[in-house]
Amino acid sequence: MQFSLKGKVQRFVSTAIFTVIAAAGLSATPQALANALPGAPAVADTPRETQVHKIRGFLPDLRFSLVGPGEAPVTAATYKGKVVMMFFGYASCPDICPTTMAQLSQVMHGLGDQADNVRILFISVDPHRDTSEKLQAYVQAFDTHAIGLTGSEKQIAEVARRYRVAYQIEKPRADNPDAYEVAHSRGIYIFDADGKASILASDSESVEALTTAVRSLLPVTQQ
């Protein structure tokens, strides 16, 4: 029996996005939620409302135990002292992930020398296909400050649950276990240099707004 993600996953993902926004005491327009759905056509707000929200005190601090480059164990402590832009996806993603990686790469470029104090963490929700080697090669193609993180199903589920990230993996085909689709919710989590959850942004937000948000978290001496 073929497993279909359409419809069910759209409800699944939109519910997850609403949960994150509601948990942070924020509001989102129907247009913003529509834009957050995988594969949904962009719908512009009129006038356009910002999708960069301050979430300090509403979502958990940066904490995880995953696998990084070279199969090395990695925790949040590894990036203490760095502002972190984190999002969830997978290397085989055809649209959302490469677009978001390109967007964050532009943010890093806009930061100039300040980019040395910032890291992009790309957490894979597809641990079966995304080895640490494959994942790191993928993210490094976009930016040298990007780190690909994977792990066991349990490890990934734990960190996804911590940040209310929804994802669902299609049942693999019997004749090709590596052929399946993955759906996941969207959003960029930004943590300050102490690992405090500070900003939740839509991946449809402008590079300029994201750059300003990240710069606001850097120590004054680095701005």
N, C-alpha and C. Protein backbone atom coordinates (compact mmCIF):
# COMPACT_ATOMS: atom_id res chain seq x y z
N MET A 1 0.85 -1.19 0.00
CA MET A 1 0.00 0.00 0.00
C MET A 1 0.89 1.24 0.00
N GLN A 2 0.61 2.16 -0.87
CA GLN A 2 1.40 3.38 -0.96
C GLN A 2 0.94 4.38 0.09
N PHE A 3 1.88 5.00 0.75
CA PHE A 3 1.61 5.94 1.82
C PHE A 3 1.67 7.36 1.27
N SER A 4 0.65 8.14 1.49
CA SER A 4 0.61 9.50 0.96
C SER A 4 0.72 10.52 2.08
N LEU A 5 1.56 11.53 1.87
CA LEU A 5 1.75 12.58 2.86
C LEU A 5 0.82 13.77 2.65
N LYS A 6 0.28 13.90 1.45
CA LYS A 6 -0.49 15.09 1.11
C LYS A 6 -1.73 15.21 1.99
N GLY A 7 -2.10 16.39 2.35
CA GLY A 7 -3.30 16.64 3.15
C GLY A 7 -3.02 16.41 4.61
N LYS A 8 -2.75 15.17 4.98
CA LYS A 8 -2.50 14.82 6.38
C LYS A 8 -1.31 15.58 6.92
N VAL A 9 -0.25 15.63 6.14
CA VAL A 9 0.96 16.31 6.58
C VAL A 9 0.78 17.81 6.60
N GLN A 10 0.03 18.35 5.65
CA GLN A 10 -0.23 19.79 5.68
C GLN A 10 -0.92 20.18 6.98
N ARG A 11 -1.91 19.37 7.42
CA ARG A 11 -2.56 19.64 8.70
C ARG A 11 -1.58 19.46 9.83
N PHE A 12 -0.77 18.41 9.75
CA PHE A 12 0.22 18.07 10.76
C PHE A 12 1.22 19.20 10.94
N VAL A 13 1.73 19.72 9.83
CA VAL A 13 2.75 20.77 9.87
C VAL A 13 2.15 22.11 10.29
N SER A 14 0.98 22.44 9.76
CA SER A 14 0.39 23.73 10.12
C SER A 14 0.04 23.75 11.60
N THR A 15 -0.41 22.62 12.15
CA THR A 15 -0.71 22.54 13.57
C THR A 15 0.55 22.76 14.39
N ALA A 16 1.65 22.16 13.95
CA ALA A 16 2.91 22.32 14.67
C ALA A 16 3.38 23.76 14.66
N ILE A 17 3.26 24.43 13.52
CA ILE A 17 3.67 25.82 13.42
C ILE A 17 2.82 26.68 14.34
N PHE A 18 1.52 26.43 14.35
CA PHE A 18 0.63 27.21 15.21
C PHE A 18 0.98 26.98 16.67
N THR A 19 1.33 25.73 17.04
CA THR A 19 1.68 25.40 18.41
C THR A 19 2.90 26.17 18.87
N VAL A 20 3.92 26.25 18.01
CA VAL A 20 5.14 26.99 18.36
C VAL A 20 4.82 28.46 18.57
N ILE A 21 4.06 29.04 17.66
CA ILE A 21 3.74 30.47 17.74
C ILE A 21 2.88 30.75 18.96
N ALA A 22 1.90 29.89 19.21
CA ALA A 22 1.03 30.09 20.36
C ALA A 22 1.80 29.92 21.67
N ALA A 23 2.71 28.95 21.70
CA ALA A 23 3.50 28.71 22.91
C ALA A 23 4.37 29.91 23.25
N ALA A 24 4.76 30.65 22.23
CA ALA A 24 5.60 31.83 22.46
C ALA A 24 4.77 33.08 22.73
N GLY A 25 3.45 32.91 22.82
CA GLY A 25 2.60 34.06 23.09
C GLY A 25 2.53 35.02 21.92
N LEU A 26 2.71 34.49 20.70
CA LEU A 26 2.74 35.33 19.51
C LEU A 26 1.48 35.14 18.70
N SER A 27 1.37 35.87 17.64
CA SER A 27 0.24 35.71 16.74
C SER A 27 0.76 35.59 15.33
N ALA A 28 -0.01 34.93 14.49
CA ALA A 28 0.37 34.81 13.09
C ALA A 28 -0.86 34.97 12.23
N THR A 29 -0.72 35.64 11.11
CA THR A 29 -1.83 35.81 10.19
C THR A 29 -2.07 34.53 9.41
N PRO A 30 -3.25 34.34 8.84
CA PRO A 30 -3.48 33.18 7.99
C PRO A 30 -2.49 33.11 6.85
N GLN A 31 -2.08 34.29 6.33
CA GLN A 31 -1.11 34.31 5.24
C GLN A 31 0.22 33.75 5.70
N ALA A 32 0.64 34.12 6.91
CA ALA A 32 1.92 33.65 7.42
C ALA A 32 1.89 32.14 7.59
N LEU A 33 0.78 31.60 8.09
CA LEU A 33 0.68 30.15 8.25
C LEU A 33 0.66 29.46 6.89
N ALA A 34 -0.03 30.06 5.92
CA ALA A 34 -0.07 29.48 4.58
C ALA A 34 1.32 29.43 3.98
N ASN A 35 2.09 30.50 4.17
CA ASN A 35 3.44 30.54 3.61
C ASN A 35 4.35 29.52 4.26
N ALA A 36 4.00 29.08 5.47
CA ALA A 36 4.86 28.14 6.19
C ALA A 36 4.63 26.70 5.78
N LEU A 37 3.59 26.43 5.02
CA LEU A 37 3.30 25.06 4.62
C LEU A 37 4.21 24.62 3.48
N PRO A 38 4.73 23.37 3.56
CA PRO A 38 5.60 22.90 2.48
C PRO A 38 4.84 22.81 1.17
N GLY A 39 5.38 23.43 0.13
CA GLY A 39 4.76 23.34 -1.18
C GLY A 39 3.63 24.33 -1.40
N ALA A 40 3.30 25.11 -0.37
CA ALA A 40 2.20 26.05 -0.54
C ALA A 40 2.67 27.30 -1.27
N PRO A 41 1.84 27.87 -2.14
CA PRO A 41 2.24 29.11 -2.82
C PRO A 41 2.31 30.25 -1.82
N ALA A 42 3.24 31.14 -2.04
CA ALA A 42 3.40 32.27 -1.13
C ALA A 42 2.19 33.18 -1.22
N VAL A 43 1.72 33.64 -0.07
CA VAL A 43 0.60 34.56 -0.02
C VAL A 43 1.08 35.78 0.75
N ALA A 44 1.06 36.92 0.13
CA ALA A 44 1.61 38.11 0.75
C ALA A 44 0.62 38.72 1.73
N ASP A 45 1.13 39.19 2.88
CA ASP A 45 0.33 39.97 3.80
C ASP A 45 0.18 41.37 3.24
N THR A 46 -0.96 41.98 3.50
CA THR A 46 -1.17 43.35 3.04
C THR A 46 -1.76 44.17 4.19
N PRO A 47 -0.98 45.09 4.86
CA PRO A 47 0.46 45.24 4.63
C PRO A 47 1.23 44.07 5.22
N ARG A 48 2.46 43.87 4.77
CA ARG A 48 3.25 42.73 5.21
C ARG A 48 3.65 42.90 6.67
N GLU A 49 3.37 41.89 7.49
CA GLU A 49 3.77 41.92 8.88
C GLU A 49 5.05 41.14 9.06
N THR A 50 5.88 41.58 9.99
CA THR A 50 7.14 40.88 10.22
C THR A 50 6.88 39.48 10.73
N GLN A 51 7.73 38.57 10.34
CA GLN A 51 7.65 37.19 10.82
C GLN A 51 8.90 36.85 11.62
N VAL A 52 9.48 37.88 12.24
CA VAL A 52 10.60 37.71 13.16
C VAL A 52 10.07 38.02 14.55
N HIS A 53 9.98 37.01 15.41
CA HIS A 53 9.35 37.16 16.71
C HIS A 53 10.34 36.91 17.84
N LYS A 54 10.30 37.75 18.85
CA LYS A 54 11.12 37.54 20.03
C LYS A 54 10.47 36.46 20.89
N ILE A 55 11.24 35.45 21.26
CA ILE A 55 10.67 34.31 21.99
C ILE A 55 11.42 34.04 23.30
N ARG A 56 12.26 34.96 23.71
CA ARG A 56 13.02 34.76 24.94
C ARG A 56 12.07 34.50 26.11
N GLY A 57 12.28 33.39 26.80
CA GLY A 57 11.44 33.02 27.92
C GLY A 57 10.25 32.16 27.55
N PHE A 58 10.02 31.97 26.25
CA PHE A 58 8.86 31.19 25.81
C PHE A 58 9.25 29.81 25.26
N LEU A 59 10.45 29.67 24.72
CA LEU A 59 10.92 28.40 24.22
C LEU A 59 12.22 28.02 24.93
N PRO A 60 12.55 26.72 24.97
CA PRO A 60 13.71 26.26 25.74
C PRO A 60 15.04 26.77 25.19
N ASP A 61 16.02 26.83 26.08
CA ASP A 61 17.37 27.17 25.67
C ASP A 61 17.94 26.08 24.76
N LEU A 62 19.04 26.40 24.11
CA LEU A 62 19.67 25.44 23.20
C LEU A 62 20.21 24.25 23.98
N ARG A 63 19.71 23.07 23.64
CA ARG A 63 20.17 21.84 24.30
C ARG A 63 19.91 20.65 23.40
N PHE A 64 20.92 19.87 23.16
CA PHE A 64 20.77 18.67 22.34
C PHE A 64 22.00 17.78 22.52
N SER A 65 21.86 16.56 22.11
CA SER A 65 22.97 15.60 22.05
C SER A 65 22.84 14.88 20.72
N LEU A 66 23.71 15.26 19.76
CA LEU A 66 23.59 14.75 18.41
C LEU A 66 24.96 14.32 17.88
N VAL A 67 25.02 14.04 16.58
CA VAL A 67 26.26 13.62 15.94
C VAL A 67 26.64 14.65 14.89
N GLY A 68 27.87 15.14 14.98
CA GLY A 68 28.34 16.17 14.07
C GLY A 68 29.32 15.65 13.04
N PRO A 69 30.07 16.53 12.42
CA PRO A 69 31.06 16.14 11.40
C PRO A 69 32.03 15.10 11.94
N GLY A 70 32.36 14.11 11.09
CA GLY A 70 33.29 13.06 11.50
C GLY A 70 32.71 12.10 12.51
N GLU A 71 31.38 12.04 12.61
CA GLU A 71 30.69 11.15 13.56
C GLU A 71 30.98 11.51 15.01
N ALA A 72 31.43 12.73 15.25
CA ALA A 72 31.76 13.15 16.62
C ALA A 72 30.51 13.54 17.39
N PRO A 73 30.41 13.12 18.66
CA PRO A 73 29.29 13.57 19.50
C PRO A 73 29.34 15.08 19.67
N VAL A 74 28.19 15.72 19.58
CA VAL A 74 28.11 17.18 19.68
C VAL A 74 26.96 17.55 20.62
N THR A 75 27.20 18.53 21.47
CA THR A 75 26.15 19.07 22.33
C THR A 75 26.09 20.58 22.13
N ALA A 76 25.10 21.19 22.76
CA ALA A 76 24.96 22.64 22.65
C ALA A 76 26.17 23.36 23.21
N ALA A 77 26.85 22.75 24.17
CA ALA A 77 28.02 23.38 24.79
C ALA A 77 29.12 23.65 23.76
N THR A 78 29.13 22.85 22.68
CA THR A 78 30.13 23.03 21.62
C THR A 78 30.06 24.43 21.02
N TYR A 79 28.87 25.03 21.02
CA TYR A 79 28.67 26.31 20.35
C TYR A 79 28.44 27.46 21.32
N LYS A 80 28.78 27.24 22.59
CA LYS A 80 28.64 28.30 23.57
C LYS A 80 29.55 29.47 23.17
N GLY A 81 29.03 30.66 23.25
CA GLY A 81 29.78 31.83 22.83
C GLY A 81 29.48 32.26 21.41
N LYS A 82 28.71 31.43 20.69
CA LYS A 82 28.31 31.74 19.32
C LYS A 82 26.80 31.99 19.25
N VAL A 83 26.40 32.94 18.44
CA VAL A 83 24.98 33.08 18.12
C VAL A 83 24.66 31.96 17.13
N VAL A 84 23.54 31.27 17.35
CA VAL A 84 23.20 30.10 16.55
C VAL A 84 21.89 30.32 15.79
N MET A 85 21.92 30.05 14.48
CA MET A 85 20.70 29.99 13.67
C MET A 85 20.45 28.52 13.38
N MET A 86 19.37 27.98 13.89
CA MET A 86 19.10 26.54 13.79
C MET A 86 17.80 26.29 13.04
N PHE A 87 17.84 25.29 12.16
CA PHE A 87 16.59 24.84 11.56
C PHE A 87 16.69 23.36 11.21
N PHE A 88 15.54 22.76 10.97
CA PHE A 88 15.43 21.33 10.74
C PHE A 88 15.08 21.05 9.29
N GLY A 89 15.68 20.00 8.73
CA GLY A 89 15.40 19.63 7.36
C GLY A 89 16.11 18.35 7.00
N TYR A 90 16.47 18.18 5.73
CA TYR A 90 17.20 16.99 5.30
C TYR A 90 17.88 17.28 3.97
N ALA A 91 18.97 16.58 3.72
CA ALA A 91 19.82 16.89 2.57
C ALA A 91 19.14 16.65 1.23
N SER A 92 18.17 15.73 1.17
CA SER A 92 17.50 15.43 -0.09
C SER A 92 16.30 16.33 -0.35
N CYS A 93 16.05 17.27 0.54
CA CYS A 93 14.91 18.19 0.41
C CYS A 93 15.02 18.95 -0.91
N PRO A 94 13.96 18.95 -1.72
CA PRO A 94 14.05 19.57 -3.05
C PRO A 94 13.87 21.08 -3.08
N ASP A 95 13.29 21.67 -2.03
CA ASP A 95 12.98 23.10 -2.14
C ASP A 95 13.23 23.90 -0.87
N ILE A 96 12.56 23.58 0.22
CA ILE A 96 12.63 24.39 1.43
C ILE A 96 14.05 24.51 1.96
N CYS A 97 14.72 23.39 2.11
CA CYS A 97 16.04 23.38 2.76
C CYS A 97 17.12 24.11 1.96
N PRO A 98 17.27 23.83 0.67
CA PRO A 98 18.30 24.59 -0.07
C PRO A 98 17.99 26.08 -0.13
N THR A 99 16.71 26.43 -0.19
CA THR A 99 16.34 27.85 -0.20
C THR A 99 16.71 28.50 1.12
N THR A 100 16.42 27.82 2.23
CA THR A 100 16.73 28.36 3.54
C THR A 100 18.23 28.44 3.76
N MET A 101 18.97 27.41 3.32
CA MET A 101 20.42 27.44 3.45
C MET A 101 21.02 28.60 2.66
N ALA A 102 20.51 28.83 1.48
CA ALA A 102 21.01 29.95 0.66
C ALA A 102 20.69 31.28 1.35
N GLN A 103 19.52 31.36 1.94
CA GLN A 103 19.11 32.56 2.65
C GLN A 103 20.02 32.83 3.85
N LEU A 104 20.30 31.80 4.63
CA LEU A 104 21.16 31.97 5.81
C LEU A 104 22.60 32.26 5.40
N SER A 105 23.00 31.72 4.28
CA SER A 105 24.33 32.02 3.76
C SER A 105 24.45 33.51 3.43
N GLN A 106 23.38 34.08 2.89
CA GLN A 106 23.37 35.51 2.59
C GLN A 106 23.42 36.33 3.88
N VAL A 107 22.75 35.83 4.92
CA VAL A 107 22.82 36.51 6.22
C VAL A 107 24.26 36.54 6.71
N MET A 108 24.94 35.40 6.61
CA MET A 108 26.33 35.32 7.05
C MET A 108 27.21 36.27 6.25
N HIS A 109 26.96 36.33 4.96
CA HIS A 109 27.73 37.24 4.10
C HIS A 109 27.52 38.69 4.53
N GLY A 110 26.26 39.01 4.86
CA GLY A 110 25.94 40.37 5.27
C GLY A 110 26.56 40.76 6.60
N LEU A 111 26.87 39.77 7.42
CA LEU A 111 27.48 40.04 8.72
C LEU A 111 28.96 40.37 8.62
N GLY A 112 29.56 40.02 7.49
CA GLY A 112 30.99 40.30 7.31
C GLY A 112 31.83 39.54 8.33
N ASP A 113 32.77 40.24 8.97
CA ASP A 113 33.66 39.61 9.96
C ASP A 113 32.90 39.09 11.18
N GLN A 114 31.69 39.63 11.42
CA GLN A 114 30.89 39.19 12.55
C GLN A 114 30.42 37.74 12.38
N ALA A 115 30.44 37.24 11.16
CA ALA A 115 29.99 35.87 10.90
C ALA A 115 30.82 34.85 11.67
N ASP A 116 32.04 35.19 12.05
CA ASP A 116 32.87 34.26 12.82
C ASP A 116 32.27 33.97 14.19
N ASN A 117 31.36 34.82 14.62
CA ASN A 117 30.72 34.65 15.93
C ASN A 117 29.32 34.04 15.81
N VAL A 118 29.01 33.50 14.63
CA VAL A 118 27.69 32.93 14.37
C VAL A 118 27.86 31.55 13.73
N ARG A 119 26.94 30.64 14.04
CA ARG A 119 26.94 29.32 13.42
C ARG A 119 25.54 28.97 12.92
N ILE A 120 25.49 28.28 11.79
CA ILE A 120 24.24 27.72 11.27
C ILE A 120 24.22 26.25 11.64
N LEU A 121 23.19 25.81 12.35
CA LEU A 121 23.04 24.40 12.69
C LEU A 121 21.87 23.82 11.90
N PHE A 122 22.17 22.88 11.04
CA PHE A 122 21.15 22.21 10.21
C PHE A 122 20.96 20.82 10.80
N ILE A 123 19.81 20.59 11.44
CA ILE A 123 19.53 19.30 12.07
C ILE A 123 18.68 18.45 11.13
N SER A 124 19.22 17.30 10.75
CA SER A 124 18.51 16.43 9.81
C SER A 124 17.41 15.65 10.52
N VAL A 125 16.24 15.56 9.87
CA VAL A 125 15.16 14.71 10.37
C VAL A 125 15.10 13.41 9.56
N ASP A 126 16.16 13.17 8.79
CA ASP A 126 16.23 11.99 7.92
C ASP A 126 17.54 11.23 8.21
N PRO A 127 17.66 10.64 9.41
CA PRO A 127 18.93 10.03 9.81
C PRO A 127 19.33 8.80 9.01
N HIS A 128 18.37 8.17 8.35
CA HIS A 128 18.68 6.96 7.59
C HIS A 128 19.52 7.27 6.35
N ARG A 129 19.23 8.39 5.69
CA ARG A 129 19.99 8.75 4.49
C ARG A 129 21.09 9.77 4.77
N ASP A 130 20.89 10.59 5.78
CA ASP A 130 21.84 11.68 6.05
C ASP A 130 22.94 11.25 7.01
N THR A 131 24.00 10.69 6.46
CA THR A 131 25.17 10.40 7.28
C THR A 131 25.85 11.73 7.62
N SER A 132 26.70 11.73 8.64
CA SER A 132 27.37 12.98 9.02
C SER A 132 28.23 13.50 7.88
N GLU A 133 28.85 12.59 7.13
CA GLU A 133 29.70 13.01 6.01
C GLU A 133 28.87 13.67 4.92
N LYS A 134 27.77 13.03 4.55
CA LYS A 134 26.91 13.58 3.50
C LYS A 134 26.31 14.92 3.92
N LEU A 135 25.90 14.99 5.17
CA LEU A 135 25.24 16.18 5.66
C LEU A 135 26.21 17.37 5.73
N GLN A 136 27.43 17.10 6.18
CA GLN A 136 28.39 18.19 6.28
C GLN A 136 28.81 18.70 4.90
N ALA A 137 28.94 17.79 3.96
CA ALA A 137 29.27 18.21 2.59
C ALA A 137 28.15 19.08 2.03
N TYR A 138 26.92 18.73 2.36
CA TYR A 138 25.76 19.48 1.88
C TYR A 138 25.77 20.90 2.43
N VAL A 139 25.89 21.06 3.75
CA VAL A 139 25.79 22.39 4.34
C VAL A 139 27.02 23.25 4.01
N GLN A 140 28.19 22.62 3.91
CA GLN A 140 29.41 23.38 3.63
C GLN A 140 29.40 23.95 2.21
N ALA A 141 28.60 23.36 1.35
CA ALA A 141 28.47 23.89 -0.01
C ALA A 141 27.81 25.27 0.00
N PHE A 142 27.08 25.55 1.09
CA PHE A 142 26.41 26.84 1.20
C PHE A 142 27.23 27.84 2.01
N ASP A 143 27.79 27.37 3.14
CA ASP A 143 28.53 28.30 4.00
C ASP A 143 29.50 27.53 4.90
N THR A 144 30.69 28.08 5.06
CA THR A 144 31.72 27.41 5.85
C THR A 144 31.42 27.45 7.35
N HIS A 145 30.46 28.30 7.76
CA HIS A 145 30.09 28.37 9.17
C HIS A 145 28.91 27.45 9.49
N ALA A 146 28.50 26.64 8.54
CA ALA A 146 27.35 25.76 8.73
C ALA A 146 27.79 24.39 9.22
N ILE A 147 27.02 23.84 10.14
CA ILE A 147 27.30 22.52 10.71
C ILE A 147 26.09 21.63 10.49
N GLY A 148 26.30 20.44 9.96
CA GLY A 148 25.23 19.46 9.79
C GLY A 148 25.20 18.52 10.97
N LEU A 149 24.02 18.35 11.57
CA LEU A 149 23.88 17.48 12.74
C LEU A 149 22.86 16.39 12.47
N THR A 150 23.22 15.17 12.82
CA THR A 150 22.31 14.04 12.68
C THR A 150 22.33 13.24 13.99
N GLY A 151 21.90 12.01 13.96
CA GLY A 151 21.88 11.21 15.17
C GLY A 151 20.93 10.04 15.01
N SER A 152 20.62 9.38 16.11
CA SER A 152 19.68 8.27 16.08
C SER A 152 18.26 8.83 15.97
N GLU A 153 17.32 7.97 15.64
CA GLU A 153 15.92 8.41 15.58
C GLU A 153 15.50 9.02 16.91
N LYS A 154 15.92 8.40 18.00
CA LYS A 154 15.54 8.87 19.33
C LYS A 154 16.14 10.24 19.61
N GLN A 155 17.40 10.43 19.27
CA GLN A 155 18.06 11.72 19.51
C GLN A 155 17.37 12.84 18.74
N ILE A 156 17.06 12.57 17.49
CA ILE A 156 16.42 13.60 16.66
C ILE A 156 15.01 13.88 17.15
N ALA A 157 14.29 12.83 17.52
CA ALA A 157 12.92 13.01 18.01
C ALA A 157 12.92 13.85 19.29
N GLU A 158 13.91 13.65 20.13
CA GLU A 158 13.97 14.39 21.39
C GLU A 158 14.18 15.88 21.16
N VAL A 159 15.12 16.23 20.27
CA VAL A 159 15.37 17.66 20.05
C VAL A 159 14.23 18.30 19.26
N ALA A 160 13.62 17.54 18.35
CA ALA A 160 12.47 18.07 17.61
C ALA A 160 11.30 18.34 18.55
N ARG A 161 11.08 17.42 19.46
CA ARG A 161 9.99 17.59 20.43
C ARG A 161 10.26 18.80 21.33
N ARG A 162 11.53 18.99 21.68
CA ARG A 162 11.90 20.11 22.56
C ARG A 162 11.51 21.45 21.94
N TYR A 163 11.65 21.56 20.62
CA TYR A 163 11.34 22.82 19.95
C TYR A 163 10.05 22.76 19.14
N ARG A 164 9.23 21.75 19.43
CA ARG A 164 7.91 21.60 18.81
C ARG A 164 7.99 21.58 17.29
N VAL A 165 8.98 20.85 16.80
CA VAL A 165 9.15 20.70 15.35
C VAL A 165 8.44 19.43 14.90
N ALA A 166 7.60 19.55 13.88
CA ALA A 166 6.86 18.41 13.35
C ALA A 166 7.55 17.89 12.10
N TYR A 167 7.66 16.58 12.00
CA TYR A 167 8.16 15.97 10.76
C TYR A 167 7.56 14.59 10.61
N GLN A 168 7.51 14.12 9.39
CA GLN A 168 6.93 12.81 9.10
C GLN A 168 7.63 12.20 7.90
N ILE A 169 7.97 10.94 8.03
CA ILE A 169 8.70 10.23 6.98
C ILE A 169 7.79 9.22 6.29
N GLU A 170 7.76 9.29 4.98
CA GLU A 170 6.93 8.38 4.20
C GLU A 170 7.46 6.96 4.32
N LYS A 171 6.58 5.99 4.26
CA LYS A 171 7.00 4.60 4.27
C LYS A 171 7.82 4.30 3.02
N PRO A 172 9.04 3.77 3.18
CA PRO A 172 9.90 3.48 2.01
C PRO A 172 9.27 2.45 1.08
N ARG A 173 9.64 2.53 -0.18
CA ARG A 173 9.19 1.54 -1.15
C ARG A 173 9.90 0.22 -0.90
N ALA A 174 9.20 -0.87 -1.12
CA ALA A 174 9.76 -2.20 -0.86
C ALA A 174 10.97 -2.49 -1.75
N ASP A 175 10.93 -1.98 -2.98
CA ASP A 175 12.01 -2.27 -3.92
C ASP A 175 13.18 -1.28 -3.81
N ASN A 176 12.99 -0.20 -3.03
CA ASN A 176 14.05 0.79 -2.86
C ASN A 176 13.89 1.48 -1.51
N PRO A 177 14.53 0.96 -0.49
CA PRO A 177 14.36 1.50 0.87
C PRO A 177 14.83 2.94 1.04
N ASP A 178 15.60 3.46 0.08
CA ASP A 178 16.07 4.84 0.17
C ASP A 178 15.18 5.82 -0.59
N ALA A 179 14.09 5.31 -1.16
CA ALA A 179 13.17 6.17 -1.92
C ALA A 179 11.94 6.47 -1.07
N TYR A 180 11.91 7.64 -0.48
CA TYR A 180 10.75 8.05 0.31
C TYR A 180 10.79 9.57 0.47
N GLU A 181 9.65 10.12 0.82
CA GLU A 181 9.54 11.57 1.01
C GLU A 181 9.53 11.89 2.50
N VAL A 182 9.91 13.11 2.80
CA VAL A 182 9.92 13.59 4.18
C VAL A 182 9.22 14.94 4.22
N ALA A 183 8.34 15.14 5.17
CA ALA A 183 7.70 16.44 5.38
C ALA A 183 8.14 16.97 6.73
N HIS A 184 8.36 18.27 6.80
CA HIS A 184 8.79 18.85 8.07
C HIS A 184 8.32 20.29 8.18
N SER A 185 8.14 20.74 9.40
CA SER A 185 7.73 22.12 9.61
C SER A 185 8.91 23.06 9.38
N ARG A 186 8.60 24.31 9.23
CA ARG A 186 9.60 25.30 8.83
C ARG A 186 9.76 26.36 9.91
N GLY A 187 10.89 26.98 9.94
CA GLY A 187 11.14 28.03 10.91
C GLY A 187 12.61 28.08 11.26
N ILE A 188 13.11 29.26 11.57
CA ILE A 188 14.50 29.45 11.93
C ILE A 188 14.56 29.90 13.39
N TYR A 189 15.21 29.08 14.21
CA TYR A 189 15.36 29.39 15.63
C TYR A 189 16.72 30.08 15.82
N ILE A 190 16.72 31.21 16.50
CA ILE A 190 17.96 31.94 16.71
C ILE A 190 18.23 32.06 18.21
N PHE A 191 19.42 31.61 18.63
CA PHE A 191 19.82 31.60 20.03
C PHE A 191 20.97 32.57 20.24
N ASP A 192 21.00 33.23 21.39
CA ASP A 192 22.09 34.15 21.66
C ASP A 192 23.35 33.38 22.06
N ALA A 193 24.42 34.09 22.34
CA ALA A 193 25.71 33.46 22.61
C ALA A 193 25.72 32.63 23.89
N ASP A 194 24.71 32.81 24.74
CA ASP A 194 24.58 31.99 25.95
C ASP A 194 23.63 30.83 25.76
N GLY A 195 23.15 30.65 24.52
CA GLY A 195 22.25 29.55 24.23
C GLY A 195 20.80 29.80 24.59
N LYS A 196 20.45 31.06 24.85
CA LYS A 196 19.06 31.39 25.18
C LYS A 196 18.25 31.53 23.89
N ALA A 197 17.09 30.85 23.84
CA ALA A 197 16.20 30.99 22.68
C ALA A 197 15.72 32.43 22.63
N SER A 198 16.01 33.12 21.54
CA SER A 198 15.74 34.55 21.47
C SER A 198 14.78 34.96 20.37
N ILE A 199 14.88 34.31 19.21
CA ILE A 199 14.10 34.74 18.05
C ILE A 199 13.60 33.54 17.27
N LEU A 200 12.36 33.59 16.83
CA LEU A 200 11.79 32.60 15.92
C LEU A 200 11.39 33.35 14.66
N ALA A 201 11.94 32.92 13.52
CA ALA A 201 11.69 33.63 12.27
C ALA A 201 11.15 32.69 11.21
N SER A 202 10.32 33.23 10.35
CA SER A 202 9.85 32.48 9.19
C SER A 202 10.97 32.41 8.16
N ASP A 203 11.03 31.30 7.43
CA ASP A 203 12.04 31.21 6.37
C ASP A 203 11.67 32.06 5.16
N SER A 204 10.52 32.71 5.23
CA SER A 204 10.13 33.63 4.15
C SER A 204 10.49 35.07 4.50
N GLU A 205 11.07 35.27 5.67
CA GLU A 205 11.48 36.61 6.08
C GLU A 205 12.66 37.06 5.23
N SER A 206 12.83 38.37 5.12
CA SER A 206 13.89 38.91 4.28
C SER A 206 15.26 38.68 4.91
N VAL A 207 16.27 38.61 4.06
CA VAL A 207 17.64 38.47 4.53
C VAL A 207 18.01 39.66 5.41
N GLU A 208 17.56 40.84 5.03
CA GLU A 208 17.89 42.04 5.79
C GLU A 208 17.34 41.96 7.20
N ALA A 209 16.08 41.51 7.34
CA ALA A 209 15.47 41.41 8.67
C ALA A 209 16.17 40.35 9.52
N LEU A 210 16.54 39.24 8.91
CA LEU A 210 17.24 38.19 9.64
C LEU A 210 18.63 38.67 10.07
N THR A 211 19.31 39.37 9.19
CA THR A 211 20.64 39.89 9.51
C THR A 211 20.56 40.86 10.68
N THR A 212 19.56 41.73 10.66
CA THR A 212 19.37 42.67 11.76
C THR A 212 19.09 41.94 13.06
N ALA A 213 18.28 40.88 13.00
CA ALA A 213 17.94 40.11 14.19
C ALA A 213 19.18 39.44 14.78
N VAL A 214 20.00 38.85 13.92
CA VAL A 214 21.21 38.19 14.40
C VAL A 214 22.19 39.21 14.97
N ARG A 215 22.35 40.30 14.28
CA ARG A 215 23.29 41.34 14.73
C ARG A 215 22.89 41.88 16.11
N SER A 216 21.60 41.92 16.38
CA SER A 216 21.13 42.45 17.66
C SER A 216 21.54 41.56 18.83
N LEU A 217 21.90 40.32 18.55
CA LEU A 217 22.28 39.37 19.60
C LEU A 217 23.80 39.32 19.81
N LEU A 218 24.54 39.95 18.94
CA LEU A 218 25.99 39.96 19.09
C LEU A 218 26.40 40.99 20.15
N PRO A 219 27.45 40.71 20.89
CA PRO A 219 27.93 41.71 21.86
C PRO A 219 28.20 43.04 21.16
N VAL A 220 28.02 44.12 21.88
CA VAL A 220 28.18 45.46 21.30
C VAL A 220 29.54 45.62 20.64
N THR A 221 30.56 45.04 21.23
CA THR A 221 31.92 45.18 20.68
C THR A 221 32.07 44.50 19.34
N GLN A 222 31.11 43.59 18.99
CA GLN A 222 31.20 42.86 17.73
C GLN A 222 30.26 43.44 16.68
N GLN A 223 29.47 44.42 17.03
CA GLN A 223 28.47 44.95 16.09
C GLN A 223 29.00 46.07 15.20
